[in-house]
Amino acid sequence: MQLKNKKVLAAMVYLGNENGEPAMQLNVPPDLETLINKRLSSGGYTSIEDILRHALEAQDAERGELIDGAQAGREIQAMKDDWRLSNR
């Protein structure tokens, strides 16, 4: 998918594989970079990979795909953490 009429940062997000080697490179617009940095600085996530995984799993949940109880707990905790950060 190409972004038309959107300013994309020259900085890129690098996602590593199990060996620590770059496996994927993503160009992100400024608003997404801000969200990523906010999530990382909150301490709720240890890496960009964690943020992306959580976002994709949350999207799966919105689509009605089932998740296990532990995953549901993590998602609820992440939502609570986000709420707390936004209400400081």
Protein backbone atom coordinates (compact mmCIF):
# COMPACT_ATOMS: atom_id res chain seq x y z
CA MET A 1 0.00 0.00 0.00
CA GLN A 2 1.42 3.37 -0.96
CA LEU A 3 0.76 6.53 0.96
CA LYS A 4 -0.33 9.28 -1.37
CA ASN A 5 -0.26 12.93 -0.34
CA LYS A 6 1.29 12.05 3.03
CA LYS A 7 4.65 13.24 4.26
CA VAL A 8 6.76 10.23 5.23
CA LEU A 9 9.80 10.55 7.44
CA ALA A 10 13.19 9.71 6.11
CA ALA A 11 13.78 7.81 9.34
CA MET A 12 12.66 4.24 9.15
CA VAL A 13 11.60 1.60 11.61
CA TYR A 14 13.70 -1.55 11.44
CA LEU A 15 12.21 -4.80 12.62
CA GLY A 16 14.72 -7.53 13.40
CA ASN A 17 14.53 -11.27 13.06
CA GLU A 18 15.51 -13.84 15.70
CA ASN A 19 19.22 -13.37 14.89
CA GLY A 20 19.02 -9.62 15.43
CA GLU A 21 19.43 -8.97 11.72
CA PRO A 22 17.11 -6.48 10.00
CA ALA A 23 14.20 -8.43 8.55
CA MET A 24 11.88 -5.60 7.52
CA GLN A 25 12.05 -1.87 7.05
CA LEU A 26 9.02 0.42 7.37
CA ASN A 27 8.67 4.10 6.49
CA VAL A 28 6.45 5.81 9.03
CA PRO A 29 4.69 9.18 8.92
CA PRO A 30 5.44 11.66 11.73
CA ASP A 31 2.23 10.98 13.64
CA LEU A 32 2.96 7.24 13.77
CA GLU A 33 6.55 7.86 14.84
CA THR A 34 5.21 9.99 17.69
CA LEU A 35 2.85 7.21 18.79
CA ILE A 36 5.62 4.61 18.64
CA ASN A 37 7.96 6.77 20.71
CA LYS A 38 5.19 7.46 23.23
CA ARG A 39 4.55 3.74 23.65
CA LEU A 40 8.26 2.97 24.05
CA SER A 41 8.81 5.74 26.59
CA SER A 42 5.82 4.56 28.64
CA GLY A 43 7.74 1.41 29.51
CA GLY A 44 4.80 -0.75 28.47
CA TYR A 45 6.69 -2.05 25.46
CA THR A 46 10.30 -3.12 25.15
CA SER A 47 10.59 -2.85 21.37
CA ILE A 48 8.92 -1.68 18.20
CA GLU A 49 8.20 -5.33 17.47
CA ASP A 50 6.13 -5.54 20.68
CA ILE A 51 4.13 -2.47 19.67
CA LEU A 52 3.46 -3.82 16.17
CA ARG A 53 2.53 -7.26 17.51
CA HIS A 54 0.10 -5.73 20.00
CA ALA A 55 -1.46 -3.53 17.33
CA LEU A 56 -1.96 -6.46 14.95
CA GLU A 57 -3.37 -8.69 17.70
CA ALA A 58 -5.75 -5.92 18.77
CA GLN A 59 -6.90 -5.56 15.17
CA ASP A 60 -7.51 -9.32 15.02
CA ALA A 61 -9.59 -9.04 18.19
CA GLU A 62 -11.65 -6.21 16.71
CA ARG A 63 -12.38 -8.40 13.73
CA GLY A 64 -13.74 -11.04 16.06
CA GLU A 65 -10.83 -13.45 15.90
CA LEU A 66 -10.48 -15.27 19.19
CA ILE A 67 -7.54 -14.75 21.50
CA ASP A 68 -6.56 -16.62 24.64
CA GLY A 69 -7.12 -15.32 28.16
CA ALA A 70 -3.49 -14.34 28.73
CA GLN A 71 -3.49 -12.26 25.55
CA ALA A 72 -6.77 -10.62 26.56
CA GLY A 73 -5.19 -9.72 29.91
CA ARG A 74 -2.17 -8.16 28.21
CA GLU A 75 -4.39 -6.11 25.91
CA ILE A 76 -6.52 -4.88 28.80
CA GLN A 77 -3.39 -3.94 30.75
CA ALA A 78 -2.01 -2.06 27.72
CA MET A 79 -5.27 -0.13 27.37
CA LYS A 80 -5.18 0.75 31.06
CA ASP A 81 -1.56 1.89 30.75
CA ASP A 82 -2.40 4.03 27.74
CA TRP A 83 -5.35 5.58 29.58
CA ARG A 84 -3.19 6.37 32.58
CA LEU A 85 -0.56 8.02 30.38
CA SER A 86 -3.12 10.15 28.58
CA ASN A 87 -4.70 11.28 31.88
CA ARG A 88 -1.56 12.49 33.63
